[in-house]
Protein backbone atom coordinates (compact mmCIF):
# COMPACT_ATOMS: atom_id res chain seq x y z
CA MET A 1 56.50 -34.90 52.11
CA GLN A 2 53.47 -34.09 49.98
CA LEU A 3 53.89 -34.01 46.24
CA SER A 4 52.80 -30.98 44.32
CA ARG A 5 50.05 -31.36 41.67
CA LEU A 6 52.74 -31.00 39.02
CA GLU A 7 54.84 -33.74 40.61
CA LYS A 8 51.99 -35.99 40.78
CA LEU A 9 51.02 -35.62 37.12
CA LEU A 10 54.71 -36.08 35.98
CA GLU A 11 54.72 -39.37 38.06
CA PHE A 12 51.47 -40.48 36.37
CA LEU A 13 52.75 -39.66 32.97
CA GLN A 14 55.88 -41.78 33.48
CA ASN A 15 53.49 -44.70 33.91
CA GLU A 16 51.17 -43.89 31.11
CA PRO A 17 53.29 -41.79 28.67
CA ASN A 18 50.66 -41.79 25.86
CA ASP A 19 47.72 -40.79 28.14
CA GLU A 20 46.22 -37.76 26.49
CA PHE A 21 44.22 -36.63 29.45
CA LEU A 22 47.54 -36.61 31.66
CA GLN A 23 49.21 -34.59 28.77
CA TYR A 24 46.33 -32.19 28.78
CA ALA A 25 46.38 -31.89 32.57
CA LEU A 26 50.10 -31.20 32.54
CA ALA A 27 49.64 -28.57 29.80
CA THR A 28 46.98 -26.90 31.96
CA GLU A 29 49.11 -27.11 35.09
CA TYR A 30 52.01 -25.60 33.51
CA LEU A 31 49.83 -22.78 32.19
CA ARG A 32 48.55 -22.26 35.73
CA LEU A 33 52.16 -22.01 36.97
CA ASN A 34 52.88 -19.39 34.18
CA ASP A 35 55.35 -21.73 32.38
CA THR A 36 53.94 -20.88 28.95
CA GLU A 37 56.82 -22.53 27.22
CA LYS A 38 56.04 -25.99 28.67
CA ALA A 39 52.30 -25.47 28.36
CA LEU A 40 52.67 -24.68 24.79
CA TRP A 41 54.77 -27.66 24.11
CA TYR A 42 52.27 -30.14 25.73
CA TYR A 43 49.24 -28.48 23.92
CA GLU A 44 51.13 -28.61 20.54
CA ASN A 45 52.19 -32.17 21.17
CA LEU A 46 48.57 -33.08 21.94
CA VAL A 47 47.31 -31.49 18.73
CA LYS A 48 50.18 -33.35 16.67
CA ASN A 49 49.83 -36.72 18.36
CA HIS A 50 46.30 -36.85 19.57
CA PRO A 51 44.33 -34.61 17.17
CA ASP A 52 40.85 -36.01 18.24
CA TYR A 53 41.44 -34.60 21.74
CA VAL A 54 39.05 -31.82 21.21
CA GLY A 55 39.56 -29.94 24.33
CA THR A 56 43.06 -28.99 23.42
CA TYR A 57 42.08 -26.68 20.61
CA TYR A 58 40.28 -24.14 22.75
CA HIS A 59 43.05 -23.82 25.19
CA LEU A 60 45.90 -23.89 22.65
CA GLY A 61 44.09 -21.12 20.66
CA LYS A 62 43.68 -19.01 23.77
CA LEU A 63 47.43 -19.49 24.61
CA TYR A 64 48.35 -18.45 21.17
CA GLU A 65 46.15 -15.35 21.50
CA ALA A 66 47.92 -14.53 24.78
CA LEU A 67 51.24 -14.87 23.08
CA ASN A 68 50.04 -12.50 20.25
CA ARG A 69 50.09 -15.37 17.79
CA LYS A 70 46.56 -14.46 16.40
CA GLU A 71 46.85 -16.33 13.00
CA ASP A 72 47.94 -19.47 14.80
CA ALA A 73 45.12 -19.04 17.22
CA ILE A 74 42.53 -18.76 14.37
CA GLY A 75 44.03 -21.80 12.59
CA THR A 76 43.77 -23.73 15.74
CA TYR A 77 40.10 -22.78 16.33
CA GLU A 78 39.31 -23.86 12.65
CA LYS A 79 41.00 -27.29 13.07
CA GLY A 80 39.21 -27.61 16.40
CA MET A 81 35.83 -26.87 14.88
CA GLU A 82 36.48 -29.35 12.07
CA THR A 83 37.46 -32.01 14.69
CA ALA A 84 34.49 -31.23 16.90
CA LYS A 85 32.12 -31.50 13.81
CA ARG A 86 33.56 -34.76 12.92
CA LYS A 87 33.25 -36.07 16.36
CA ARG A 88 29.72 -34.66 16.69
CA ASP A 89 30.77 -32.71 19.79
CA ASN A 90 28.40 -29.84 19.60
CA HIS A 91 29.34 -28.23 22.86
CA ALA A 92 33.08 -28.08 22.03
CA PHE A 93 32.16 -26.83 18.47
CA SER A 94 29.95 -24.06 20.00
CA GLU A 95 32.82 -23.02 22.27
CA LEU A 96 35.38 -23.00 19.53
CA GLN A 97 32.99 -21.16 17.21
CA ALA A 98 32.49 -18.36 19.67
CA VAL A 99 36.22 -17.76 20.24
CA TYR A 100 36.80 -18.12 16.44
CA ARG A 101 34.27 -15.40 15.76
CA GLU A 102 35.78 -13.27 18.48
CA ALA A 103 39.36 -13.68 17.09
CA THR A 104 38.24 -13.08 13.44
CA GLY A 105 35.64 -10.40 14.14
CA SER A 106 33.17 -12.57 12.25
CA ASN A 107 29.48 -12.32 12.67
CA GLU A 108 26.78 -15.09 13.25
CA ASP A 109 26.19 -15.39 9.44
CA ASP A 110 29.58 -16.58 8.39
CA ASP A 111 30.40 -20.27 7.56
CA TYR A 112 31.77 -21.01 11.11
């Protein structure tokens, strides 16, 4: 029997429970499977325990928006932009800035 992608990721995570990429991949896979509760848990866990994993902020913010949690989304984008700036990840910063502006209705001249 061939293991599903989810089963493989869960198996990998058993061997590497602190691997932030595996946690991110699991969150993304749960989201793909429309299990928003588990996706949210993994994304929030990543932000809490691996705050420097910049890729999480965009996806967590988008999930918050989909769940009509706009203020949480905006706060997540702000934290993500701060993290991306600190890590000098200009690409991530730019993506987060775009969704932040969209969520807040801000224009190009604002601080973020």
